[in-house]
Amino acid sequence: MNFKKMIEAMTPEVYQSLKRAVELGKWPNGDRLTDEQRETSLRAVIAYDETKLPEHERTGFIERTKKDGSQHGSDPLEPQVLKILNDN
């Protein structure tokens, strides 16, 4: 089974278990995750989020809209202008 098919077949219960394991760094039986297991599990959690959850419920989502509709802070995707000052 490839990664994409595994994500499509993943149940919400398995998703929650993987997410909890990544958060705590250990499996439900108490065994610690290896670095490879943590990386693979986190990739699976993020992939599940992207395919099955609305944006505001995804891992890492940051709500930037205030109640009045304006944005908190600057848009991280907005290019920033760099000014170089010379002492000449």
Protein backbone atom coordinates (compact mmCIF):
# COMPACT_ATOMS: atom_id res chain seq x y z
CA MET A 1 0.00 0.00 0.00
CA ASN A 2 1.46 3.36 -0.95
CA PHE A 3 1.36 6.44 1.28
CA LYS A 4 -1.54 8.12 -0.54
CA LYS A 5 -3.75 5.03 -0.35
CA MET A 6 -2.88 4.61 3.33
CA ILE A 7 -4.05 8.17 4.03
CA GLU A 8 -7.28 7.63 2.07
CA ALA A 9 -8.00 4.46 4.07
CA MET A 10 -7.08 5.97 7.46
CA THR A 11 -9.93 6.11 9.97
CA PRO A 12 -10.47 9.08 12.31
CA GLU A 13 -9.49 6.83 15.23
CA VAL A 14 -6.13 5.94 13.67
CA TYR A 15 -5.58 9.62 12.81
CA GLN A 16 -6.22 10.66 16.43
CA SER A 17 -3.90 7.92 17.69
CA LEU A 18 -1.08 9.03 15.36
CA LYS A 19 -1.60 12.67 16.24
CA ARG A 20 -1.48 11.90 19.96
CA ALA A 21 1.65 9.77 19.50
CA VAL A 22 3.41 12.63 17.70
CA GLU A 23 2.34 15.11 20.41
CA LEU A 24 3.56 12.92 23.29
CA GLY A 25 6.49 11.24 21.55
CA LYS A 26 5.26 7.80 22.50
CA TRP A 27 2.78 5.14 21.39
CA PRO A 28 -0.34 4.36 23.43
CA ASN A 29 1.52 1.37 24.98
CA GLY A 30 4.23 3.74 26.29
CA ASP A 31 7.00 2.87 23.80
CA ARG A 32 8.89 5.93 22.57
CA LEU A 33 8.69 6.86 18.88
CA THR A 34 11.90 6.64 16.92
CA ASP A 35 12.86 9.70 14.88
CA GLU A 36 11.75 7.87 11.73
CA GLN A 37 8.40 6.92 13.28
CA ARG A 38 7.81 10.50 14.45
CA GLU A 39 8.62 11.90 11.00
CA THR A 40 6.43 9.38 9.17
CA SER A 41 3.55 9.79 11.63
CA LEU A 42 3.69 13.58 11.38
CA ARG A 43 3.66 13.37 7.57
CA ALA A 44 0.61 11.10 7.80
CA VAL A 45 -1.19 13.48 10.19
CA ILE A 46 -0.53 16.48 7.94
CA ALA A 47 -1.56 14.56 4.80
CA TYR A 48 -4.79 13.41 6.50
CA ASP A 49 -5.47 17.01 7.58
CA GLU A 50 -5.01 18.29 4.03
CA THR A 51 -7.33 15.73 2.45
CA LYS A 52 -10.04 15.26 5.07
CA LEU A 53 -10.30 18.37 7.27
CA PRO A 54 -11.33 21.97 6.58
CA GLU A 55 -8.47 24.47 6.68
CA HIS A 56 -9.32 25.90 10.11
CA GLU A 57 -9.10 22.41 11.72
CA ARG A 58 -5.71 21.46 10.24
CA THR A 59 -2.51 20.97 12.22
CA GLY A 60 -0.59 24.24 12.38
CA PHE A 61 -3.49 26.48 11.28
CA ILE A 62 -3.24 30.01 12.68
CA GLU A 63 -6.36 32.15 12.65
CA ARG A 64 -5.29 35.63 11.57
CA THR A 65 -8.68 37.30 11.25
CA LYS A 66 -9.92 39.58 14.05
CA LYS A 67 -13.60 39.85 14.91
CA ASP A 68 -13.83 43.05 12.86
CA GLY A 69 -12.51 41.24 9.76
CA SER A 70 -9.01 42.80 9.77
CA GLN A 71 -5.83 40.72 9.95
CA HIS A 72 -3.53 40.17 12.94
CA GLY A 73 0.03 41.08 12.01
CA SER A 74 1.41 40.93 8.51
CA ASP A 75 0.73 38.27 5.93
CA PRO A 76 3.67 35.82 6.07
CA LEU A 77 3.36 35.26 2.32
CA GLU A 78 3.57 38.99 1.55
CA PRO A 79 7.02 39.98 0.20
CA GLN A 80 9.00 42.25 2.51
CA VAL A 81 11.08 45.19 1.35
CA LEU A 82 14.70 45.16 2.46
CA LYS A 83 16.36 48.57 2.74
CA ILE A 84 20.14 48.78 2.58
CA LEU A 85 21.64 51.84 4.22
CA ASN A 86 25.08 53.16 3.28
CA ASP A 87 27.25 55.30 5.53
CA ASN A 88 28.56 57.25 2.48
